[in-house]
């Protein structure tokens, strides 16, 4: 999978060029050259250091790490664990009627429902497409449980909470899925559902970089 390049803001580009030319250089010196306050630079410096383009040492200042821009996104996503970013999943039980699952999908405003056991272990996944297929040509959805239409293990792609967000992004792209269940082994091969990572989760994370 090729990783897209993060676009730096004009201010971030200016800071990067200053540090490349004059580093190591203090934050106060950078602020003075740009004629802005030190506080105004903090968000930009945070993005540049978290991404790995710049590094900082106490009483020394900021310096360029030598990394190229095309590695920026991969480096940034590699820094975050799935456990830090995961969202709360919308869940239903196996016996839940398809009609109720459809209502849950819209109420929770999600594209995927996770089917769990009484102890919270993952049993299946139901997508918006699954529910749509079930609804077409079916007269009484109250009599069809989601267990009939859900995708079961081992056909569910999952992610460990200790994995990086880069690995999660690669799985979402490789398997062309909207939601990735975050699971941890529970007992006797059962997987405890801890959360989810979705395309929306990734977009929100990437939005923080450019904010």
Foldseek 3Di string as FASTA:
>chain_A
DQDDFFDADPLLVLLLVCQAVDPQDALCVSCVVVVHDSVVCVLSVVLCVLQPQWHADPPGHIHGPPDDRSCRVVSNQQVAFQLVQFAAAAEDEQQQFLVVVVVSCVVVVHFKYFYADPVQWTFFIDGVVLSVVCPPPDDDSRRHGCNVRTDGPPVAAAAERRGTSSVVVVVCVVVVDFKHFHWDQDPPRTTHTDGIDGPVSVVVVSVSSHD
